[in-house]
C-alpha atoms as a PDB file:
ATOM      1  CA  MET A   1     112.775 116.880  82.639  1.00  0.00           C
ATOM      2  CA  LYS A   2     111.271 113.489  83.249  1.00  0.00           C
ATOM      3  CA  LYS A   3     107.506 113.069  83.365  1.00  0.00           C
ATOM      4  CA  SER A   4     107.667 112.065  87.039  1.00  0.00           C
ATOM      5  CA  GLU A   5     109.595 115.246  87.822  1.00  0.00           C
ATOM      6  CA  ILE A   6     106.991 117.389  86.075  1.00  0.00           C
ATOM      7  CA  VAL A   7     104.283 115.625  88.095  1.00  0.00           C
ATOM      8  CA  LEU A   8     106.205 116.286  91.339  1.00  0.00           C
ATOM      9  CA  LEU A   9     106.666 119.954  90.411  1.00  0.00           C
ATOM     10  CA  ILE A  10     102.957 120.369  89.655  1.00  0.00           C
ATOM     11  CA  PHE A  11     102.060 118.518  92.874  1.00  0.00           C
ATOM     12  CA  THR A  12     104.250 120.800  95.029  1.00  0.00           C
ATOM     13  CA  VAL A  13     102.673 123.924  93.572  1.00  0.00           C
ATOM     14  CA  LEU A  14      99.124 122.547  93.765  1.00  0.00           C
ATOM     15  CA  ILE A  15      99.376 121.306  97.360  1.00  0.00           C
ATOM     16  CA  ASP A  16     100.845 124.663  98.391  1.00  0.00           C
ATOM     17  CA  GLN A  17      98.141 126.656  96.633  1.00  0.00           C
ATOM     18  CA  LEU A  18      95.358 124.362  97.878  1.00  0.00           C
ATOM     19  CA  THR A  19      96.413 124.677 101.524  1.00  0.00           C
ATOM     20  CA  LYS A  20      96.663 128.467 101.199  1.00  0.00           C
ATOM     21  CA  PHE A  21      93.239 128.612  99.534  1.00  0.00           C
ATOM     22  CA  VAL A  22      91.663 126.590 102.349  1.00  0.00           C
ATOM     23  CA  VAL A  23      93.226 128.798 105.020  1.00  0.00           C
ATOM     24  CA  GLU A  24      92.174 132.028 103.283  1.00  0.00           C
ATOM     25  CA  SER A  25      88.641 130.841 102.607  1.00  0.00           C
ATOM     26  CA  LYS A  26      87.977 129.335 106.048  1.00  0.00           C
ATOM     27  CA  MET A  27      89.827 131.670 108.422  1.00  0.00           C
ATOM     28  CA  ALA A  28      89.895 135.348 109.243  1.00  0.00           C
ATOM     29  CA  LEU A  29      93.221 137.156 109.015  1.00  0.00           C
ATOM     30  CA  TYR A  30      95.254 136.525 112.217  1.00  0.00           C
ATOM     31  CA  GLU A  31      92.797 133.858 113.363  1.00  0.00           C
ATOM     32  CA  SER A  32      94.610 130.995 115.081  1.00  0.00           C
ATOM     33  CA  ILE A  33      93.486 127.415 115.654  1.00  0.00           C
ATOM     34  CA  GLU A  34      95.376 125.375 118.224  1.00  0.00           C
ATOM     35  CA  ILE A  35      96.256 121.922 116.863  1.00  0.00           C
ATOM     36  CA  ILE A  36      98.782 120.705 119.455  1.00  0.00           C
ATOM     37  CA  SER A  37      98.587 122.603 122.742  1.00  0.00           C
ATOM     38  CA  GLY A  38     101.594 124.847 123.293  1.00  0.00           C
ATOM     39  CA  PHE A  39     103.341 123.580 120.156  1.00  0.00           C
ATOM     40  CA  PHE A  40     101.440 123.944 116.860  1.00  0.00           C
ATOM     41  CA  HIS A  41      98.738 126.310 115.595  1.00  0.00           C
ATOM     42  CA  ILE A  42      97.248 127.105 112.221  1.00  0.00           C
ATOM     43  CA  THR A  43      97.491 130.912 112.171  1.00  0.00           C
ATOM     44  CA  TYR A  44      96.488 132.884 109.083  1.00  0.00           C
ATOM     45  CA  THR A  45      98.949 135.676 108.326  1.00  0.00           C
ATOM     46  CA  ARG A  46     100.133 137.569 105.271  1.00  0.00           C
ATOM     47  CA  ASN A  47     103.746 138.361 104.447  1.00  0.00           C
ATOM     48  CA  THR A  48     104.778 141.034 101.952  1.00  0.00           C
ATOM     49  CA  GLY A  49     108.470 140.416 102.570  1.00  0.00           C
ATOM     50  CA  ALA A  50     110.748 137.410 102.755  1.00  0.00           C
ATOM     51  CA  ALA A  51     111.437 135.145 105.738  1.00  0.00           C
ATOM     52  CA  TRP A  52     110.671 136.865 109.041  1.00  0.00           C
ATOM     53  CA  SER A  53     109.119 139.688 106.945  1.00  0.00           C
ATOM     54  CA  ILE A  54     112.538 141.090 106.024  1.00  0.00           C
ATOM     55  CA  LEU A  55     112.472 143.494 103.086  1.00  0.00           C
ATOM     56  CA  GLU A  56     108.750 143.960 103.596  1.00  0.00           C
ATOM     57  CA  GLY A  57     106.999 145.445 100.585  1.00  0.00           C
ATOM     58  CA  LYS A  58     109.540 144.081  98.079  1.00  0.00           C
ATOM     59  CA  GLY A  59     107.174 141.397  96.758  1.00  0.00           C
ATOM     60  CA  THR A  60     107.739 142.282  93.098  1.00  0.00           C
ATOM     61  CA  LEU A  61     111.479 141.809  93.531  1.00  0.00           C
ATOM     62  CA  PHE A  62     110.919 138.420  95.177  1.00  0.00           C
ATOM     63  CA  ALA A  63     108.468 137.367  92.454  1.00  0.00           C
ATOM     64  CA  ILE A  64     111.016 138.220  89.747  1.00  0.00           C
ATOM     65  CA  MET A  65     113.777 136.414  91.643  1.00  0.00           C
ATOM     66  CA  ALA A  66     111.560 133.329  92.065  1.00  0.00           C
ATOM     67  CA  LEU A  67     110.798 133.283  88.339  1.00  0.00           C
ATOM     68  CA  ILE A  68     114.486 133.590  87.426  1.00  0.00           C
ATOM     69  CA  VAL A  69     115.512 130.879  89.905  1.00  0.00           C
ATOM     70  CA  SER A  70     112.720 128.560  88.732  1.00  0.00           C
ATOM     71  CA  CYS A  71     113.672 129.011  85.072  1.00  0.00           C
ATOM     72  CA  GLY A  72     117.306 128.382  85.972  1.00  0.00           C
ATOM     73  CA  ILE A  73     116.430 125.190  87.835  1.00  0.00           C
ATOM     74  CA  ILE A  74     114.284 123.890  84.976  1.00  0.00           C
ATOM     75  CA  TYR A  75     117.067 124.680  82.490  1.00  0.00           C
ATOM     76  CA  TYR A  76     119.599 122.913  84.745  1.00  0.00           C
ATOM     77  CA  LEU A  77     117.388 119.815  85.023  1.00  0.00           C
ATOM     78  CA  ILE A  78     116.902 119.667  81.256  1.00  0.00           C
ATOM     79  CA  LYS A  79     120.644 120.040  80.541  1.00  0.00           C
ATOM     80  CA  ASN A  80     121.936 117.804  83.356  1.00  0.00           C
ATOM     81  CA  ARG A  81     120.109 114.533  82.922  1.00  0.00           C
ATOM     82  CA  ASN A  82     122.876 112.677  84.808  1.00  0.00           C
ATOM     83  CA  ALA A  83     122.344 114.542  88.081  1.00  0.00           C
ATOM     84  CA  SER A  84     121.496 112.205  90.949  1.00  0.00           C
ATOM     85  CA  LYS A  85     117.885 111.480  91.844  1.00  0.00           C
ATOM     86  CA  LEU A  86     118.398 113.212  95.192  1.00  0.00           C
ATOM     87  CA  GLU A  87     119.746 116.358  93.524  1.00  0.00           C
ATOM     88  CA  ARG A  88     116.984 116.395  90.908  1.00  0.00           C
ATOM     89  CA  THR A  89     114.273 115.914  93.540  1.00  0.00           C
ATOM     90  CA  ALA A  90     115.781 118.655  95.705  1.00  0.00           C
ATOM     91  CA  MET A  91     115.828 121.062  92.774  1.00  0.00           C
ATOM     92  CA  ILE A  92     112.182 120.304  91.983  1.00  0.00           C
ATOM     93  CA  LEU A  93     111.134 120.948  95.585  1.00  0.00           C
ATOM     94  CA  ILE A  94     113.009 124.264  95.563  1.00  0.00           C
ATOM     95  CA  CYS A  95     111.432 125.204  92.241  1.00  0.00           C
ATOM     96  CA  GLY A  96     107.939 124.236  93.405  1.00  0.00           C
ATOM     97  CA  GLY A  97     108.313 126.203  96.624  1.00  0.00           C
ATOM     98  CA  ALA A  98     109.582 129.258  94.782  1.00  0.00           C
ATOM     99  CA  LEU A  99     106.739 129.064  92.259  1.00  0.00           C
ATOM    100  CA  GLY A 100     104.123 128.586  94.994  1.00  0.00           C
ATOM    101  CA  ASN A 101     105.166 131.749  96.798  1.00  0.00           C
ATOM    102  CA  MET A 102     105.630 133.602  93.492  1.00  0.00           C
ATOM    103  CA  ILE A 103     102.018 132.859  92.567  1.00  0.00           C
ATOM    104  CA  ASP A 104     100.881 134.401  95.867  1.00  0.00           C
ATOM    105  CA  ARG A 105     102.971 137.519  95.292  1.00  0.00           C
ATOM    106  CA  VAL A 106     101.638 137.992  91.762  1.00  0.00           C
ATOM    107  CA  VAL A 107      97.985 137.189  92.540  1.00  0.00           C
ATOM    108  CA  HIS A 108      97.627 138.726  96.022  1.00  0.00           C
ATOM    109  CA  GLY A 109     100.629 140.993  96.546  1.00  0.00           C
ATOM    110  CA  TYR A 110     101.533 138.955  99.643  1.00  0.00           C
ATOM    111  CA  VAL A 111     102.329 135.375 100.645  1.00  0.00           C
ATOM    112  CA  VAL A 112      99.827 133.428 102.733  1.00  0.00           C
ATOM    113  CA  ASP A 113     101.482 131.885 105.806  1.00  0.00           C
ATOM    114  CA  PHE A 114      99.764 129.640 108.338  1.00  0.00           C
ATOM    115  CA  LEU A 115     102.071 127.042 109.944  1.00  0.00           C
ATOM    116  CA  ASN A 116     102.833 128.384 113.420  1.00  0.00           C
ATOM    117  CA  PHE A 117     105.106 126.475 115.804  1.00  0.00           C
ATOM    118  CA  TYR A 118     106.094 127.271 119.380  1.00  0.00           C
ATOM    119  CA  ILE A 119     109.465 125.633 119.993  1.00  0.00           C
ATOM    120  CA  PHE A 120     110.726 125.690 123.589  1.00  0.00           C
ATOM    121  CA  GLY A 121     108.588 128.753 124.266  1.00  0.00           C
ATOM    122  CA  TYR A 122     109.753 130.579 121.126  1.00  0.00           C
ATOM    123  CA  ASP A 123     107.002 131.582 118.689  1.00  0.00           C
ATOM    124  CA  TYR A 124     108.747 130.588 115.452  1.00  0.00           C
ATOM    125  CA  PRO A 125     107.824 132.815 112.459  1.00  0.00           C
ATOM    126  CA  VAL A 126     104.717 131.611 110.637  1.00  0.00           C
ATOM    127  CA  PHE A 127     105.427 129.897 107.304  1.00  0.00           C
ATOM    128  CA  ASN A 128     103.692 127.798 104.625  1.00  0.00           C
ATOM    129  CA  ILE A 129     104.014 124.590 102.615  1.00  0.00           C
ATOM    130  CA  ALA A 130     106.052 126.296  99.852  1.00  0.00           C
ATOM    131  CA  ASP A 131     108.578 127.419 102.472  1.00  0.00           C
ATOM    132  CA  SER A 132     108.727 123.843 103.740  1.00  0.00           C
ATOM    133  CA  PHE A 133     109.473 122.533 100.240  1.00  0.00           C
ATOM    134  CA  LEU A 134     112.232 125.145  99.867  1.00  0.00           C
ATOM    135  CA  VAL A 135     113.879 124.188 103.158  1.00  0.00           C
ATOM    136  CA  ILE A 136     113.585 120.444 102.514  1.00  0.00           C
ATOM    137  CA  GLY A 137     115.037 120.907  99.012  1.00  0.00           C
ATOM    138  CA  VAL A 138     117.985 122.927 100.290  1.00  0.00           C
ATOM    139  CA  GLY A 139     118.564 120.355 103.033  1.00  0.00           C
ATOM    140  CA  MET A 140     118.608 117.585 100.431  1.00  0.00           C
ATOM    141  CA  LEU A 141     121.168 119.527  98.379  1.00  0.00           C
ATOM    142  CA  VAL A 142     123.365 119.940 101.455  1.00  0.00           C
ATOM    143  CA  ILE A 143     123.173 116.186 102.114  1.00  0.00           C
ATOM    144  CA  GLU A 144     123.950 115.480  98.450  1.00  0.00           C
ATOM    145  CA  THR A 145     126.949 117.809  98.598  1.00  0.00           C
ATOM    146  CA  ILE A 146     128.324 116.318 101.814  1.00  0.00           C
ATOM    147  CA  PHE A 147     127.902 112.693 100.834  1.00  0.00           C
ATOM    148  CA  SER A 148     128.526 112.887  97.101  1.00  0.00           C
ATOM    149  CA  LYS A 149     131.345 110.635  95.967  1.00  0.00           C
ATOM    150  CA  GLU A 150     132.313 113.085  93.240  1.00  0.00           C
ATOM    151  CA  LYS A 151     134.590 115.930  94.245  1.00  0.00           C
END
């Protein structure tokens, strides 16, 4: 891995952990602060499952999976130095997001979530920065796959 990629990986994990620390230290569980009326709140919740709390209580399984995926991504990046910048960046974001949530599962036994959006009246499930990095990384991989000149 390139030095800049290591820095990006560390940054993704640190920014995720810092935001979760601030929320946990400044807010009570289930406390909600309205940021944009009717659209965005900071709401402190805990998740012992995966997205939408599916497989609740399976945190150890998710922590192990995150570690395996992260090791696989790092191995891939080391072995495939010719991968595009977009692909490499996407993989780092996915790895950083997985590691951020894995740290929560190992340290707390749950993942701290706090980003709460209301979209067209629907209260979207609360998520965190690590989840955002995961989704952005996967989206970048989809774009890379669709627009890649190699078949």
